[in-house]
Amino acid sequence: MLSSITKKYPFSIARSYLQQPINRYVSVKDIVFGEDDEIDEVELAAKRLGNSLITCKKVKGKYVSPWAKETNKKLWDVLKLAVHKKKPRLSFPNVKDSIDLIKILEVNRRKLRNDSETHFTWFGHASCYLQTEGVYIMTDPLWSDRASPMDFAGPKRYINPVIELEDLKIDIVLLSHTHYDHLDLASAKRIGNRAHWVVPLGVKALLESVGIHNCTELDWWNTYHHMTPAGTIMKIIFTPAKHWTSRTLFDRNTCLWGGFAVLGSKIKFYFAGDTAYCGTTFNLIGDNFGPFDLAAIPIGAYSPRWFMKDVHCNPEEAVKIHKDIKSKKSFGIHWATFPLTDEDPIEPSLELARARNLHNLTHEEFFTMAHGETLHMNELPGHDVATVNADLYIHYLNLLRTTPRDD
């Protein structure tokens, strides 16, 4: 029976759980009651270190962060989330579905293949594409129809990929963590060993299970050195994030998670991956590696806040991250691609505009992009949702005044 399931669904939960080399250290007791004794030990160590260093300690095969009591949700929290009443979708005049407001562009292949100028592209969710100094970097490539261990169930794309992975030159893949909306093994196989994978501790065995061996694992604050075509050294530092990871019920946090600081001779780029807000962390990153010329910061999957606030930042917190890391220019990721949480697909872009106004930022400093949009560093953003649709943004603000928020 198992062989027939895994043959029909080669990246199904059956294969993921039973055939991949995943360490299983989380007991049923841990899932129901949490792991407070182990977490207390790490919290005490973090207090002794103060703000000088944020580390993750491996305890009984699991990575335990200083925020583990907040990020490790107990079973009753998950059950409460499953039954809570979801927010209604946003309604706009003359718009049938808010998904229609998400802009899709035809890929500018000339820009994508231009080695002479630094450029960046958003391909949806956390899949970003950066070219600088002749090095092509991809983050969290996800080209499958679903962000799920199953081909037939789970969050399904609003928008299909605008280009095939095979048509992209990729030298380096930066992988933030192993959740299915970030590590997609089907997409990973399509890239394979033609790129060098820079990944968190524990992920190498997963990639090797699909034939990928061109890989470097990093702990928080560790650095990978990459030589550019010009012979200069580009530094890639794995940075902390307030999050967690798993691919099954019983492998929670057996791999690490985080973001990346890319330090080149032309630009400094920060990719936040998935994270909640933690001012100490982002101030450390900004103080040690900033200011950044460009940052990709998550703005979606934040509702309901009572559950998501410990693992995903909202747009206002994303603005705080932008300021903490001293970013000159940031764009929003982790939105408008998959139905992961309660908020409307278009809401993160409108909330970002509201947060910008609160913090005196312009849309040139922190903006949203269209799917498939490529920008040079000196280009102004052309498809920020709230800027292009000013009347809809005003309508959204009016909705907030008349409709109580239930986050």
Protein backbone atom coordinates (compact mmCIF):
# COMPACT_ATOMS: atom_id res chain seq x y z
CA MET A 1 0.00 0.00 0.00
CA LEU A 2 2.78 2.45 0.99
CA SER A 3 4.70 1.90 -2.24
CA SER A 4 1.59 2.63 -4.33
CA ILE A 5 0.93 5.87 -2.41
CA THR A 6 4.48 7.16 -2.72
CA LYS A 7 4.62 6.16 -6.38
CA LYS A 8 1.45 8.08 -7.20
CA TYR A 9 2.38 11.08 -5.01
CA PRO A 10 6.18 11.21 -5.06
CA PHE A 11 6.30 14.17 -2.65
CA SER A 12 3.40 13.09 -0.48
CA ILE A 13 3.33 13.03 3.30
CA ALA A 14 3.88 9.26 3.17
CA ARG A 15 7.23 9.66 1.46
CA SER A 16 8.14 12.74 3.48
CA TYR A 17 7.49 11.07 6.81
CA LEU A 18 8.43 7.45 6.16
CA GLN A 19 11.14 7.55 3.50
CA GLN A 20 13.14 10.75 3.98
CA PRO A 21 15.92 10.73 6.60
CA ILE A 22 14.04 12.89 9.10
CA ASN A 23 15.07 12.69 12.75
CA ARG A 24 12.06 12.14 15.02
CA TYR A 25 12.66 13.43 18.52
CA VAL A 26 9.32 15.01 19.44
CA SER A 27 7.08 12.80 21.56
CA VAL A 28 3.30 12.86 21.85
CA LYS A 29 3.79 14.37 25.33
CA ASP A 30 5.82 17.22 23.79
CA ILE A 31 3.10 17.90 21.23
CA VAL A 32 0.32 18.06 23.83
CA PHE A 33 2.07 19.67 26.80
CA GLY A 34 5.09 21.41 25.26
CA GLU A 35 8.76 21.15 26.23
CA ASP A 36 9.04 23.68 29.03
CA ASP A 37 11.90 22.05 30.99
CA GLU A 38 14.22 22.11 27.98
CA ILE A 39 13.11 25.64 27.04
CA ASP A 40 13.81 26.97 30.57
CA GLU A 41 17.41 25.81 30.26
CA VAL A 42 17.91 27.74 27.01
CA GLU A 43 16.14 30.85 28.32
CA LEU A 44 18.47 30.96 31.34
CA ALA A 45 21.51 30.67 29.05
CA ALA A 46 20.15 33.49 26.86
CA LYS A 47 19.72 35.75 29.89
CA ARG A 48 23.32 35.12 30.93
CA LEU A 49 24.57 36.06 27.46
CA GLY A 50 22.43 39.21 27.33
CA ASN A 51 22.05 40.97 23.97
CA SER A 52 25.57 40.22 22.76
CA LEU A 53 24.67 36.88 21.18
CA ILE A 54 21.47 35.07 20.23
CA THR A 55 21.98 31.34 19.85
CA CYS A 56 19.96 28.19 19.39
CA LYS A 57 20.92 25.22 21.55
CA LYS A 58 20.42 21.63 20.45
CA VAL A 59 18.68 19.68 23.21
CA LYS A 60 17.84 15.99 22.68
CA GLY A 61 18.10 16.37 18.91
CA LYS A 62 15.96 19.53 18.69
CA TYR A 63 16.96 23.18 18.23
CA VAL A 64 15.63 25.27 21.09
CA SER A 65 15.65 29.04 20.64
CA PRO A 66 15.42 31.72 23.35
CA TRP A 67 11.80 32.29 22.23
CA ALA A 68 10.73 28.64 22.18
CA LYS A 69 8.00 29.07 24.80
CA GLU A 70 6.31 31.51 22.44
CA THR A 71 6.93 29.78 19.10
CA ASN A 72 6.22 26.19 20.18
CA LYS A 73 2.43 26.14 20.19
CA LYS A 74 0.64 23.52 22.24
CA LEU A 75 -2.00 21.19 20.85
CA TRP A 76 -4.93 23.13 22.31
CA ASP A 77 -3.70 26.32 20.62
CA VAL A 78 -3.69 24.52 17.28
CA LEU A 79 -7.18 23.11 17.93
CA LYS A 80 -8.44 26.57 18.85
CA LEU A 81 -7.01 27.92 15.58
CA ALA A 82 -8.73 25.14 13.61
CA VAL A 83 -12.21 26.02 14.91
CA HIS A 84 -12.02 29.81 15.24
CA LYS A 85 -14.21 31.99 13.03
CA LYS A 86 -12.29 33.37 10.06
CA LYS A 87 -12.47 36.95 8.92
CA PRO A 88 -14.62 37.69 5.84
CA ARG A 89 -12.87 38.59 2.61
CA LEU A 90 -12.45 42.26 1.80
CA SER A 91 -14.93 43.81 -0.61
CA PHE A 92 -14.00 46.57 -3.04
CA PRO A 93 -16.22 48.54 -5.47
CA ASN A 94 -16.10 47.16 -9.02
CA VAL A 95 -13.73 44.34 -7.99
CA LYS A 96 -15.13 40.82 -8.20
CA ASP A 97 -12.31 39.22 -6.19
CA SER A 98 -9.44 40.92 -4.38
CA ILE A 99 -7.08 38.36 -5.93
CA ASP A 100 -7.66 40.19 -9.21
CA LEU A 101 -5.79 43.17 -7.71
CA ILE A 102 -2.59 41.14 -7.49
CA LYS A 103 -0.55 42.18 -10.50
CA ILE A 104 1.22 39.62 -12.71
CA LEU A 105 3.90 40.73 -15.16
CA GLU A 106 5.43 39.01 -18.12
CA VAL A 107 9.03 38.30 -17.21
CA ASN A 108 11.57 40.72 -18.65
CA ARG A 109 14.14 38.16 -19.75
CA ARG A 110 16.54 40.84 -20.96
CA LYS A 111 16.71 42.29 -17.46
CA LEU A 112 17.02 38.86 -15.87
CA ARG A 113 20.09 38.04 -17.99
CA ASN A 114 21.81 41.39 -17.50
CA ASP A 115 25.04 40.84 -15.53
CA SER A 116 26.18 44.44 -15.66
CA GLU A 117 23.62 45.89 -13.22
CA THR A 118 22.35 44.52 -9.92
CA HIS A 119 18.69 43.55 -10.20
CA PHE A 120 16.10 41.73 -8.12
CA THR A 121 12.87 39.89 -8.94
CA TRP A 122 9.92 38.61 -6.92
CA PHE A 123 8.47 35.30 -8.10
CA GLY A 124 5.81 35.05 -5.39
CA HIS A 125 5.79 34.10 -1.71
CA ALA A 126 9.42 33.91 -0.46
CA SER A 127 10.97 33.13 -3.86
CA CYS A 128 13.25 36.06 -4.65
CA TYR A 129 15.90 36.28 -7.35
CA LEU A 130 18.92 38.54 -7.04
CA GLN A 131 21.77 39.14 -9.48
CA THR A 132 24.78 41.04 -8.26
CA GLU A 133 28.43 40.86 -9.36
CA GLY A 134 27.48 38.16 -11.88
CA VAL A 135 26.16 35.85 -9.13
CA TYR A 136 22.53 34.69 -9.41
CA ILE A 137 20.88 33.98 -6.05
CA MET A 138 17.49 32.33 -5.48
CA THR A 139 15.71 32.25 -2.12
CA ASP A 140 13.25 29.55 -1.01
CA PRO A 141 12.28 28.32 -4.50
CA LEU A 142 8.68 27.09 -4.58
CA TRP A 143 7.25 26.30 -8.02
CA SER A 144 4.74 23.55 -7.10
CA ASP A 145 0.97 24.03 -7.21
CA ARG A 146 0.58 23.50 -3.47
CA ALA A 147 2.55 24.42 -0.36
CA SER A 148 1.87 21.02 1.10
CA PRO A 149 3.27 17.51 1.55
CA MET A 150 0.38 16.29 -0.61
CA ASP A 151 -0.27 16.88 -4.29
CA PHE A 152 -4.06 16.71 -3.85
CA ALA A 153 -4.63 18.81 -0.70
CA GLY A 154 -3.22 21.81 1.12
CA PRO A 155 -2.80 25.50 0.23
CA LYS A 156 -3.13 25.90 -3.54
CA ARG A 157 -1.61 28.76 -5.52
CA TYR A 158 -3.56 31.86 -6.40
CA ILE A 159 -1.07 32.59 -9.17
CA ASN A 160 1.05 30.21 -11.25
CA PRO A 161 4.81 30.77 -11.60
CA VAL A 162 5.56 33.26 -14.37
CA ILE A 163 8.68 31.45 -15.60
CA GLU A 164 10.09 27.92 -15.49
CA LEU A 165 12.91 27.18 -13.08
CA GLU A 166 14.88 25.65 -15.92
CA ASP A 167 14.95 29.04 -17.66
CA LEU A 168 16.70 30.73 -14.74
CA LYS A 169 20.41 30.83 -14.13
CA ILE A 170 20.93 29.96 -10.46
CA ASP A 171 24.34 29.92 -8.77
CA ILE A 172 23.25 29.91 -5.12
CA VAL A 173 20.06 28.89 -3.34
CA LEU A 174 19.43 30.35 0.11
CA LEU A 175 16.98 28.20 2.08
CA SER A 176 15.47 29.69 5.24
CA HIS A 177 13.82 26.58 6.73
CA THR A 178 11.97 23.36 5.96
CA HIS A 179 8.27 24.32 6.15
CA TYR A 180 6.50 23.23 2.96
CA ASP A 181 5.93 26.79 1.78
CA HIS A 182 9.72 27.33 1.80
CA LEU A 183 11.39 23.96 1.12
CA ASP A 184 9.64 22.36 -1.84
CA LEU A 185 11.50 19.18 -2.74
CA ALA A 186 9.94 19.00 -6.21
CA SER A 187 11.37 22.44 -7.01
CA ALA A 188 14.65 21.55 -5.32
CA LYS A 189 15.06 18.54 -7.61
CA ARG A 190 14.51 20.74 -10.66
CA ILE A 191 17.40 22.95 -9.59
CA GLY A 192 19.55 20.10 -8.32
CA ASN A 193 23.32 20.40 -8.09
CA ARG A 194 23.70 23.15 -10.68
CA ALA A 195 23.38 25.59 -7.76
CA HIS A 196 25.16 25.63 -4.41
CA TRP A 197 22.63 25.31 -1.59
CA VAL A 198 23.25 27.28 1.60
CA VAL A 199 20.95 25.87 4.25
CA PRO A 200 20.33 25.68 8.02
CA LEU A 201 21.83 22.93 10.16
CA GLY A 202 20.00 19.63 9.68
CA VAL A 203 18.73 20.27 6.14
CA LYS A 204 21.58 18.62 4.24
CA ALA A 205 20.21 15.11 4.81
CA LEU A 206 16.83 16.15 3.36
CA LEU A 207 18.45 17.51 0.21
CA GLU A 208 20.69 14.46 -0.14
CA SER A 209 17.56 12.29 -0.11
CA VAL A 210 16.63 13.85 -3.49
CA GLY A 211 20.16 13.72 -4.89
CA ILE A 212 21.42 17.20 -3.95
CA HIS A 213 24.95 17.14 -2.51
CA ASN A 214 26.21 20.60 -3.49
CA CYS A 215 25.33 22.02 -0.11
CA THR A 216 26.70 23.95 2.88
CA GLU A 217 24.97 23.88 6.28
CA LEU A 218 25.23 26.90 8.58
CA ASP A 219 24.50 27.67 12.22
CA TRP A 220 23.34 31.13 13.24
CA TRP A 221 26.07 33.74 12.64
CA ASN A 222 28.15 31.33 10.50
CA THR A 223 29.46 32.55 7.13
CA TYR A 224 29.73 30.95 3.70
CA HIS A 225 32.28 32.55 1.35
CA HIS A 226 31.48 32.55 -2.36
CA MET A 227 33.92 33.65 -5.05
CA THR A 228 32.36 35.87 -7.72
CA PRO A 229 33.32 35.69 -11.42
CA ALA A 230 35.55 38.74 -10.82
CA GLY A 231 37.43 36.92 -8.09
CA THR A 232 36.01 38.90 -5.15
CA ILE A 233 34.58 37.23 -2.06
CA MET A 234 30.88 37.47 -1.29
CA LYS A 235 29.96 36.69 2.32
CA ILE A 236 26.67 34.97 3.16
CA ILE A 237 25.83 34.97 6.88
CA PHE A 238 23.03 32.87 8.36
CA THR A 239 21.11 35.02 10.82
CA PRO A 240 18.60 34.26 13.61
CA ALA A 241 14.83 34.42 13.14
CA LYS A 242 12.00 34.06 15.62
CA HIS A 243 10.29 31.06 14.09
CA TRP A 244 10.33 27.24 14.10
CA THR A 245 10.15 24.42 11.56
CA SER A 246 8.94 20.89 10.86
CA ARG A 247 7.74 18.66 8.03
CA THR A 248 5.82 16.11 10.13
CA LEU A 249 4.25 15.93 13.58
CA PHE A 250 7.34 14.32 15.06
CA ASP A 251 10.32 16.19 13.59
CA ARG A 252 9.66 19.66 15.00
CA ASN A 253 12.81 21.79 15.14
CA THR A 254 15.20 18.97 14.27
CA CYS A 255 16.48 21.42 11.64
CA LEU A 256 17.43 25.04 12.25
CA TRP A 257 15.75 28.08 10.63
CA GLY A 258 16.74 31.68 9.92
CA GLY A 259 17.49 34.44 7.42
CA PHE A 260 20.53 35.54 5.42
CA ALA A 261 22.73 38.59 5.10
CA VAL A 262 24.50 38.73 1.73
CA LEU A 263 27.49 41.05 1.80
CA GLY A 264 29.00 41.80 -1.61
CA SER A 265 31.26 44.50 -2.95
CA LYS A 266 28.32 46.22 -4.72
CA ILE A 267 25.37 45.77 -2.36
CA LYS A 268 24.31 44.34 0.97
CA PHE A 269 21.12 42.26 0.78
CA TYR A 270 19.04 40.85 3.63
CA PHE A 271 16.55 38.00 3.26
CA ALA A 272 14.46 37.58 6.41
CA GLY A 273 12.85 34.23 5.56
CA ASP A 274 9.98 33.59 7.98
CA THR A 275 10.03 35.44 11.28
CA ALA A 276 8.09 37.16 14.02
CA TYR A 277 9.31 40.50 15.28
CA CYS A 278 12.09 40.59 17.87
CA GLY A 279 13.76 43.97 18.14
CA THR A 280 16.93 42.67 19.79
CA THR A 281 17.57 40.25 16.93
CA PHE A 282 17.11 42.73 14.12
CA ASN A 283 19.06 45.46 15.86
CA LEU A 284 21.96 43.01 16.18
CA ILE A 285 21.74 42.18 12.47
CA GLY A 286 21.60 45.85 11.53
CA ASP A 287 24.44 46.83 13.85
CA ASN A 288 26.73 44.00 12.71
CA PHE A 289 25.99 43.80 8.97
CA GLY A 290 23.98 46.87 7.97
CA PRO A 291 23.09 49.22 6.62
CA PHE A 292 21.51 47.10 3.89
CA ASP A 293 20.91 48.39 0.38
CA LEU A 294 18.02 45.97 -0.15
CA ALA A 295 15.90 43.69 2.02
CA ALA A 296 13.16 41.10 1.41
CA ILE A 297 10.89 41.12 4.47
CA PRO A 298 7.71 39.06 5.05
CA ILE A 299 4.45 41.01 5.33
CA GLY A 300 1.81 38.25 5.15
CA ALA A 301 0.42 35.21 7.03
CA TYR A 302 -0.10 37.20 10.23
CA SER A 303 -3.76 36.67 11.15
CA PRO A 304 -5.17 35.82 13.67
CA ARG A 305 -2.61 37.71 15.75
CA TRP A 306 -3.23 35.79 18.99
CA PHE A 307 -1.70 32.75 17.26
CA MET A 308 0.56 34.14 14.54
CA LYS A 309 2.26 37.01 16.39
CA ASP A 310 4.94 34.69 17.79
CA VAL A 311 5.94 33.23 14.41
CA HIS A 312 5.03 35.77 11.69
CA CYS A 313 5.45 39.54 11.68
CA ASN A 314 2.63 41.75 10.44
CA PRO A 315 3.24 44.68 8.04
CA GLU A 316 3.84 47.20 10.82
CA GLU A 317 6.40 44.89 12.41
CA ALA A 318 7.95 44.39 8.97
CA VAL A 319 8.45 48.16 8.84
CA LYS A 320 10.14 47.96 12.24
CA ILE A 321 12.47 45.25 10.87
CA HIS A 322 13.23 47.50 7.89
CA LYS A 323 14.26 50.25 10.28
CA ASP A 324 16.11 48.00 12.73
CA ILE A 325 18.35 46.49 10.06
CA LYS A 326 18.92 49.94 8.55
CA SER A 327 17.60 48.98 5.13
CA LYS A 328 17.60 51.67 2.45
CA LYS A 329 15.05 49.82 0.30
CA SER A 330 12.80 46.87 1.17
CA PHE A 331 10.09 44.88 -0.60
CA GLY A 332 7.36 42.73 0.89
CA ILE A 333 7.36 38.95 0.49
CA HIS A 334 5.35 36.02 1.89
CA TRP A 335 1.97 37.26 0.64
CA ALA A 336 -0.47 37.03 -2.31
CA THR A 337 0.63 33.57 -3.43
CA PHE A 338 -0.93 30.90 -1.17
CA PRO A 339 -3.97 30.97 1.18
CA LEU A 340 -2.09 30.29 4.41
CA THR A 341 -3.87 32.36 7.07
CA ASP A 342 -6.94 34.50 7.71
CA GLU A 343 -6.14 37.84 6.15
CA ASP A 344 -7.41 38.69 2.68
CA PRO A 345 -4.82 38.08 -0.08
CA ILE A 346 -4.49 41.80 -0.83
CA GLU A 347 -4.63 43.02 2.78
CA PRO A 348 -0.87 42.81 3.57
CA SER A 349 -0.06 45.30 0.80
CA LEU A 350 -2.65 47.76 2.11
CA GLU A 351 -1.56 47.28 5.71
CA LEU A 352 2.02 47.91 4.59
CA ALA A 353 0.96 51.27 3.16
CA ARG A 354 -0.79 52.13 6.43
CA ALA A 355 2.32 51.14 8.42
CA ARG A 356 4.53 53.21 6.09
CA ASN A 357 2.43 56.26 6.80
CA LEU A 358 2.58 55.65 10.56
CA HIS A 359 6.37 55.43 10.43
CA ASN A 360 6.97 58.22 7.91
CA LEU A 361 8.27 56.00 5.10
CA THR A 362 7.60 56.42 1.39
CA HIS A 363 6.61 53.67 -1.02
CA GLU A 364 10.07 54.03 -2.54
CA GLU A 365 11.58 52.85 0.73
CA PHE A 366 9.30 49.85 1.40
CA PHE A 367 7.01 48.57 -1.33
CA THR A 368 5.23 45.60 -2.84
CA MET A 369 6.07 44.14 -6.24
CA ALA A 370 4.09 42.41 -8.95
CA HIS A 371 4.63 38.71 -9.54
CA GLY A 372 7.53 38.48 -11.99
CA GLU A 373 8.59 42.11 -11.61
CA THR A 374 12.31 42.85 -11.99
CA LEU A 375 13.86 46.08 -10.76
CA HIS A 376 17.34 47.52 -11.00
CA MET A 377 18.61 49.08 -7.79
CA ASN A 378 18.15 52.61 -9.13
CA GLU A 379 14.62 51.97 -10.45
CA LEU A 380 11.53 53.21 -8.67
CA PRO A 381 8.88 50.60 -7.80
CA GLY A 382 6.12 50.61 -10.38
CA HIS A 383 3.50 48.24 -8.95
CA ASP A 384 3.14 48.94 -5.25
CA VAL A 385 -0.51 48.00 -4.69
CA ALA A 386 -1.59 50.91 -2.49
CA THR A 387 0.20 53.47 -4.67
CA VAL A 388 -1.22 52.21 -7.96
CA ASN A 389 -4.70 51.72 -6.46
CA ALA A 390 -4.98 54.84 -4.31
CA ASP A 391 -8.79 54.83 -4.38
CA LEU A 392 -8.90 51.23 -3.15
CA TYR A 393 -6.46 52.07 -0.39
CA ILE A 394 -8.75 54.90 0.77
CA HIS A 395 -11.68 52.48 0.63
CA TYR A 396 -9.70 50.07 2.80
CA LEU A 397 -9.01 52.78 5.38
CA ASN A 398 -12.72 53.56 5.48
CA LEU A 399 -13.47 49.86 6.02
CA LEU A 400 -11.14 49.85 9.01
CA ARG A 401 -13.00 52.78 10.52
CA THR A 402 -16.39 51.06 10.19
CA THR A 403 -15.43 47.42 10.77
CA PRO A 404 -13.90 46.39 14.10
CA ARG A 405 -10.69 44.39 13.84
CA ASP A 406 -10.88 40.93 15.45
CA ASP A 407 -7.17 40.06 15.45
